[in-house]
Amino acid sequence: MTHAPREDGSPPRVCADFHAAIEMVGRRWTGAILWALCDDDLYFADLCAAIPGISDRLLSTRLRELESEGLVERHVHPGAPPRVSYGLSPDGRALEPSLRQLREWARARKRGRA
């Protein structure tokens, strides 16, 4: 895909909405969190296990950010003590096809290097 220069001949500007979306999902560990939640809701400990190397503190921070952005939903389950699971919101679910395409691109790229 090519982007036509603007009328004054200068290069096209990056769409502000696109840039904001890339910055949001491109933050460290965010893609992995979203990917881990594609198949099912997970409890915090299960998310930690699914994403080797992420600290509890950073996972907690990213989950709060994703929840405030409307991509992740937090579900409190009754009991003593109550348990909390996380899942993709409808907006987060809308990212799933793009995440799957990115995964396939990464796999194909890796195969091409082997």
Protein backbone atom coordinates (compact mmCIF):
# COMPACT_ATOMS: atom_id res chain seq x y z
CA MET A 1 0.00 0.00 0.00
CA THR A 2 1.37 3.39 -0.89
CA HIS A 3 0.45 6.68 0.67
CA ALA A 4 0.13 9.58 -1.70
CA PRO A 5 1.93 12.77 -0.79
CA ARG A 6 -0.20 15.65 0.40
CA GLU A 7 -1.17 18.44 -1.96
CA ASP A 8 1.85 20.51 -0.92
CA GLY A 9 4.16 17.61 -1.85
CA SER A 10 5.10 16.77 1.74
CA PRO A 11 4.89 13.17 2.91
CA PRO A 12 1.57 11.96 4.33
CA ARG A 13 1.17 12.22 8.07
CA VAL A 14 0.60 9.21 10.24
CA CYS A 15 -3.02 9.05 11.36
CA ALA A 16 -3.21 10.15 15.00
CA ASP A 17 -5.74 7.42 15.84
CA PHE A 18 -3.50 4.75 14.32
CA HIS A 19 -0.49 6.09 16.21
CA ALA A 20 -2.38 6.08 19.52
CA ALA A 21 -3.56 2.49 18.94
CA ILE A 22 -0.05 1.27 18.07
CA GLU A 23 1.40 3.00 21.12
CA MET A 24 -1.24 1.39 23.35
CA VAL A 25 -0.92 -2.21 22.13
CA GLY A 26 2.80 -1.89 21.50
CA ARG A 27 3.70 -1.25 25.12
CA ARG A 28 5.95 -3.87 26.65
CA TRP A 29 4.03 -7.07 27.50
CA THR A 30 0.67 -5.68 26.35
CA GLY A 31 0.52 -7.78 23.18
CA ALA A 32 1.35 -10.91 25.15
CA ILE A 33 -1.40 -10.16 27.66
CA LEU A 34 -3.96 -9.57 24.94
CA TRP A 35 -2.84 -12.72 23.12
CA ALA A 36 -3.08 -14.83 26.30
CA LEU A 37 -6.66 -13.65 26.78
CA CYS A 38 -7.78 -14.45 23.22
CA ASP A 39 -8.85 -17.99 24.00
CA ASP A 40 -10.40 -17.61 27.44
CA ASP A 41 -10.65 -15.53 30.59
CA LEU A 42 -7.77 -16.17 32.95
CA TYR A 43 -7.03 -15.64 36.61
CA PHE A 44 -4.06 -13.46 37.49
CA ALA A 45 -1.83 -16.43 38.39
CA ASP A 46 -2.74 -18.17 35.14
CA LEU A 47 -1.82 -15.03 33.18
CA CYS A 48 1.53 -14.92 34.96
CA ALA A 49 2.15 -18.55 34.05
CA ALA A 50 1.11 -17.94 30.43
CA ILE A 51 3.57 -15.05 30.03
CA PRO A 52 7.00 -16.17 31.25
CA GLY A 53 9.18 -13.31 32.45
CA ILE A 54 6.47 -10.78 33.33
CA SER A 55 6.51 -9.56 36.91
CA ASP A 56 3.37 -9.48 39.04
CA ARG A 57 3.73 -5.74 39.40
CA LEU A 58 3.99 -5.07 35.67
CA LEU A 59 1.14 -7.47 34.85
CA SER A 60 -1.04 -5.68 37.38
CA THR A 61 -0.12 -2.30 35.90
CA ARG A 62 -0.80 -3.40 32.32
CA LEU A 63 -4.12 -5.01 33.26
CA ARG A 64 -5.25 -1.76 34.90
CA GLU A 65 -4.20 0.19 31.78
CA LEU A 66 -5.98 -2.23 29.45
CA GLU A 67 -9.08 -2.11 31.63
CA SER A 68 -9.08 1.70 31.61
CA GLU A 69 -8.71 1.63 27.79
CA GLY A 70 -11.72 -0.67 27.58
CA LEU A 71 -9.84 -3.64 26.11
CA VAL A 72 -9.93 -5.92 29.17
CA GLU A 73 -12.70 -6.63 31.63
CA ARG A 74 -12.15 -7.61 35.25
CA HIS A 75 -14.53 -10.22 36.71
CA VAL A 76 -14.77 -10.72 40.48
CA HIS A 77 -15.88 -14.22 41.49
CA PRO A 78 -17.50 -14.64 44.91
CA GLY A 79 -15.87 -16.75 47.54
CA ALA A 80 -13.48 -16.47 50.41
CA PRO A 81 -11.27 -14.93 49.30
CA PRO A 82 -12.89 -13.59 46.14
CA ARG A 83 -11.03 -14.43 42.94
CA VAL A 84 -10.55 -12.14 39.98
CA SER A 85 -10.34 -13.19 36.35
CA TYR A 86 -9.62 -11.10 33.29
CA GLY A 87 -11.02 -11.34 29.80
CA LEU A 88 -11.18 -9.37 26.61
CA SER A 89 -13.97 -6.83 26.33
CA PRO A 90 -15.86 -6.54 23.04
CA ASP A 91 -13.32 -3.87 21.97
CA GLY A 92 -10.47 -6.18 22.96
CA ARG A 93 -12.11 -9.05 21.08
CA ALA A 94 -12.19 -6.84 17.98
CA LEU A 95 -8.37 -6.85 18.07
CA GLU A 96 -8.20 -10.64 17.94
CA PRO A 97 -8.07 -10.97 14.12
CA SER A 98 -5.22 -8.46 13.98
CA LEU A 99 -3.34 -10.26 16.75
CA ARG A 100 -3.77 -13.58 14.94
CA GLN A 101 -2.49 -12.04 11.70
CA LEU A 102 0.50 -10.59 13.52
CA ARG A 103 1.22 -14.03 15.00
CA GLU A 104 1.09 -15.63 11.55
CA TRP A 105 3.35 -12.91 10.13
CA ALA A 106 5.86 -13.51 12.94
CA ARG A 107 5.81 -17.28 12.37
CA ALA A 108 6.24 -16.91 8.60
CA ARG A 109 9.06 -14.44 9.12
CA LYS A 110 10.83 -16.82 11.49
CA ARG A 111 10.44 -19.72 9.04
CA GLY A 112 11.90 -17.53 6.30
CA ARG A 113 15.05 -16.93 8.36
CA ALA A 114 15.62 -20.57 9.31
